Amino acid sequence: MLEFGARSTGEPWETRPIRCDAADHVPNVVFPTAAPRVMRPERTFWEKATAIHVFCAQGEFRGGDRFARHWHDLTRLDRAGIAKNAMADHALALAVARHKTAFFAEKIADGSSIDYEAAVSGALQLVPRGKALESLSLDYDKMVEDGLLFDEAEPFDELLEHCRGLQERANGAK
């Protein structure tokens, strides 16, 4: 999926080759290829982790459904070894936090601001509680029902346990 936004830095980036999935199955057809500049997946990890942190701190969804995809994506980034690399790059985590502070300022119910720098420096929250947990579970179940996840979707409880482990590792890395 491609996402474009005026508030993105696009940094750090790398060039990634792209080819059509059908190419292996239709050898007599020449499909186009490309090598676009894309944001590094370590940045994506911190973007998603801080978005999840905001949800957990606010305790509610804002902006629609299908938000559970971020938890799913974090576990996939972890399985691919990206999370470990992202957690080792504290300078990148701080860059994401500072960017979000400037362009994505959020508040919690008591009116205080989300502290993104604290989130990437040992206070990250990836597992919601109460009504937020219930909302997330319903959102995840709906995404699974609708077939929106490309691979085998684990049960919600397993997804959250994986994210709890990510949270502990991220907070311990600081």
Protein backbone atom coordinates (compact mmCIF):
# COMPACT_ATOMS: atom_id res chain seq x y z
CA MET A 1 0.00 0.00 0.00
CA LEU A 2 1.21 3.49 -0.76
CA GLU A 3 0.50 6.31 1.62
CA PHE A 4 1.23 9.93 0.86
CA GLY A 5 0.99 12.84 3.22
CA ALA A 6 2.18 16.41 3.41
CA ARG A 7 3.38 15.96 6.99
CA SER A 8 5.72 13.04 6.32
CA THR A 9 9.48 13.47 6.28
CA GLY A 10 10.13 10.47 4.06
CA GLU A 11 13.34 9.93 6.03
CA PRO A 12 15.22 7.70 6.37
CA TRP A 13 14.64 6.11 2.99
CA GLU A 14 16.07 3.37 0.82
CA THR A 15 15.60 2.15 -2.73
CA ARG A 16 13.57 -1.06 -2.98
CA PRO A 17 13.01 -3.16 -6.09
CA ILE A 18 9.39 -3.94 -6.93
CA ARG A 19 8.19 -6.59 -9.34
CA CYS A 20 4.82 -8.04 -10.18
CA ASP A 21 3.77 -11.10 -8.15
CA ALA A 22 2.46 -12.72 -11.34
CA ALA A 23 5.91 -12.68 -12.98
CA ASP A 24 6.86 -16.06 -11.48
CA HIS A 25 3.65 -17.64 -12.77
CA VAL A 26 3.61 -16.20 -16.29
CA PRO A 27 7.19 -16.57 -17.56
CA ASN A 28 6.44 -15.58 -21.17
CA VAL A 29 5.17 -12.12 -20.23
CA VAL A 30 7.51 -9.27 -19.38
CA PHE A 31 6.16 -7.25 -16.50
CA PRO A 32 7.42 -3.78 -15.59
CA THR A 33 9.65 -3.31 -12.57
CA ALA A 34 10.46 -0.28 -10.48
CA ALA A 35 12.94 0.82 -7.82
CA PRO A 36 11.24 3.61 -5.84
CA ARG A 37 12.61 5.44 -2.82
CA VAL A 38 10.63 4.22 0.18
CA MET A 39 10.68 5.02 3.86
CA ARG A 40 12.73 2.53 5.83
CA PRO A 41 10.65 -0.02 7.75
CA GLU A 42 12.32 0.95 11.04
CA ARG A 43 10.67 4.36 10.71
CA THR A 44 7.36 2.64 9.98
CA PHE A 45 7.77 0.64 13.19
CA TRP A 46 8.10 3.80 15.29
CA GLU A 47 5.30 5.58 13.40
CA LYS A 48 2.92 2.71 14.13
CA ALA A 49 4.13 2.17 17.69
CA THR A 50 3.55 5.83 18.57
CA ALA A 51 0.12 5.80 16.89
CA ILE A 52 -0.78 2.80 19.05
CA HIS A 53 0.62 4.57 22.11
CA VAL A 54 -1.74 7.50 21.46
CA PHE A 55 -4.72 5.16 21.20
CA CYS A 56 -3.78 3.45 24.45
CA ALA A 57 -3.27 6.78 26.23
CA GLN A 58 -6.55 8.23 24.93
CA GLY A 59 -8.46 5.02 25.48
CA GLU A 60 -10.62 5.34 22.39
CA PHE A 61 -10.62 5.20 18.62
CA ARG A 62 -10.71 8.47 16.74
CA GLY A 63 -10.94 8.48 13.00
CA GLY A 64 -12.81 5.33 12.03
CA ASP A 65 -12.28 1.62 12.00
CA ARG A 66 -9.54 -0.75 10.84
CA PHE A 67 -7.12 0.72 13.32
CA ALA A 68 -6.25 -2.78 14.57
CA ARG A 69 -4.09 -3.16 11.48
CA HIS A 70 -1.34 -1.26 13.31
CA TRP A 71 -1.05 -3.97 15.98
CA HIS A 72 -1.01 -6.64 13.27
CA ASP A 73 1.64 -4.72 11.33
CA LEU A 74 3.87 -4.33 14.40
CA THR A 75 3.91 -8.07 14.97
CA ARG A 76 4.81 -8.65 11.32
CA LEU A 77 7.60 -6.07 11.51
CA ASP A 78 8.88 -7.89 14.58
CA ARG A 79 8.82 -11.28 12.87
CA ALA A 80 10.79 -9.79 9.98
CA GLY A 81 13.51 -8.55 12.38
CA ILE A 82 12.62 -4.89 11.81
CA ALA A 83 11.44 -4.20 15.38
CA LYS A 84 14.78 -5.24 16.84
CA ASN A 85 16.64 -2.91 14.48
CA ALA A 86 14.19 -0.07 15.14
CA MET A 87 14.53 -0.42 18.92
CA ALA A 88 18.31 -0.28 18.58
CA ASP A 89 18.08 3.06 16.75
CA HIS A 90 17.11 5.49 19.51
CA ALA A 91 18.06 8.49 17.37
CA LEU A 92 15.43 7.43 14.83
CA ALA A 93 12.85 6.89 17.58
CA LEU A 94 13.53 10.41 18.91
CA ALA A 95 13.28 11.86 15.39
CA VAL A 96 9.84 10.27 15.00
CA ALA A 97 8.80 11.52 18.44
CA ARG A 98 9.90 15.09 17.71
CA HIS A 99 8.20 15.06 14.31
CA LYS A 100 4.95 13.79 15.84
CA THR A 101 5.13 16.38 18.60
CA ALA A 102 5.33 19.11 15.99
CA PHE A 103 2.80 17.78 13.46
CA PHE A 104 0.57 15.31 15.30
CA ALA A 105 0.04 16.85 18.72
CA GLU A 106 -2.52 14.79 20.64
CA LYS A 107 -4.09 15.09 24.06
CA ILE A 108 -5.47 12.61 26.55
CA ALA A 109 -8.80 12.95 28.37
CA ASP A 110 -7.41 15.23 31.11
CA GLY A 111 -6.17 17.69 28.47
CA SER A 112 -2.48 16.98 28.87
CA SER A 113 -0.34 16.41 25.80
CA ILE A 114 0.92 13.05 24.63
CA ASP A 115 4.64 12.89 25.40
CA TYR A 116 6.04 11.11 22.36
CA GLU A 117 9.63 11.40 23.59
CA ALA A 118 8.70 9.58 26.79
CA ALA A 119 6.93 6.94 24.68
CA VAL A 120 10.11 6.14 22.73
CA SER A 121 12.30 6.43 25.82
CA GLY A 122 10.88 3.72 28.08
CA ALA A 123 7.18 4.55 28.54
CA LEU A 124 5.68 3.04 25.38
CA GLN A 125 2.21 1.57 25.80
CA LEU A 126 1.06 -0.94 23.18
CA VAL A 127 -1.67 -2.78 25.08
CA PRO A 128 -4.89 -0.88 25.78
CA ARG A 129 -7.15 -1.41 28.78
CA GLY A 130 -10.87 -1.29 29.51
CA LYS A 131 -13.21 -0.06 26.79
CA ALA A 132 -10.30 0.64 24.47
CA LEU A 133 -9.30 -3.03 24.64
CA GLU A 134 -12.88 -4.07 23.87
CA SER A 135 -13.07 -1.65 20.91
CA LEU A 136 -9.77 -2.92 19.55
CA SER A 137 -10.91 -6.53 19.84
CA LEU A 138 -14.11 -5.79 17.89
CA ASP A 139 -12.15 -3.87 15.25
CA TYR A 140 -9.64 -6.73 14.87
CA ASP A 141 -12.39 -9.34 14.60
CA LYS A 142 -14.11 -7.29 11.90
CA MET A 143 -10.85 -6.95 9.95
CA VAL A 144 -10.30 -10.72 10.13
CA GLU A 145 -13.91 -11.39 9.06
CA ASP A 146 -13.56 -9.02 6.12
CA GLY A 147 -10.35 -10.73 4.98
CA LEU A 148 -8.27 -7.57 5.26
CA LEU A 149 -5.16 -9.25 6.64
CA PHE A 150 -3.03 -10.88 3.95
CA ASP A 151 -1.65 -13.68 6.05
CA GLU A 152 -2.99 -16.00 8.71
CA ALA A 153 -4.36 -13.81 11.49
CA GLU A 154 -3.61 -15.08 14.95
CA PRO A 155 -6.28 -14.95 17.67
CA PHE A 156 -6.63 -11.52 19.27
CA ASP A 157 -5.21 -12.67 22.61
CA GLU A 158 -2.04 -13.94 20.89
CA LEU A 159 -1.70 -10.67 18.99
CA LEU A 160 -1.87 -8.71 22.24
CA GLU A 161 0.62 -10.99 23.98
CA HIS A 162 3.06 -10.43 21.13
CA CYS A 163 2.53 -6.67 21.45
CA ARG A 164 2.98 -6.88 25.23
CA GLY A 165 6.35 -8.52 24.60
CA LEU A 166 7.24 -5.79 22.08
CA GLN A 167 6.27 -3.16 24.63
CA GLU A 168 8.49 -4.74 27.29
CA ARG A 169 11.41 -5.03 24.88
CA ALA A 170 11.03 -1.45 23.63
CA ASN A 171 10.80 -0.07 27.15
CA GLY A 172 13.70 -2.19 28.33
CA ALA A 173 15.87 -1.03 25.42
CA LYS A 174 15.88 2.51 26.78
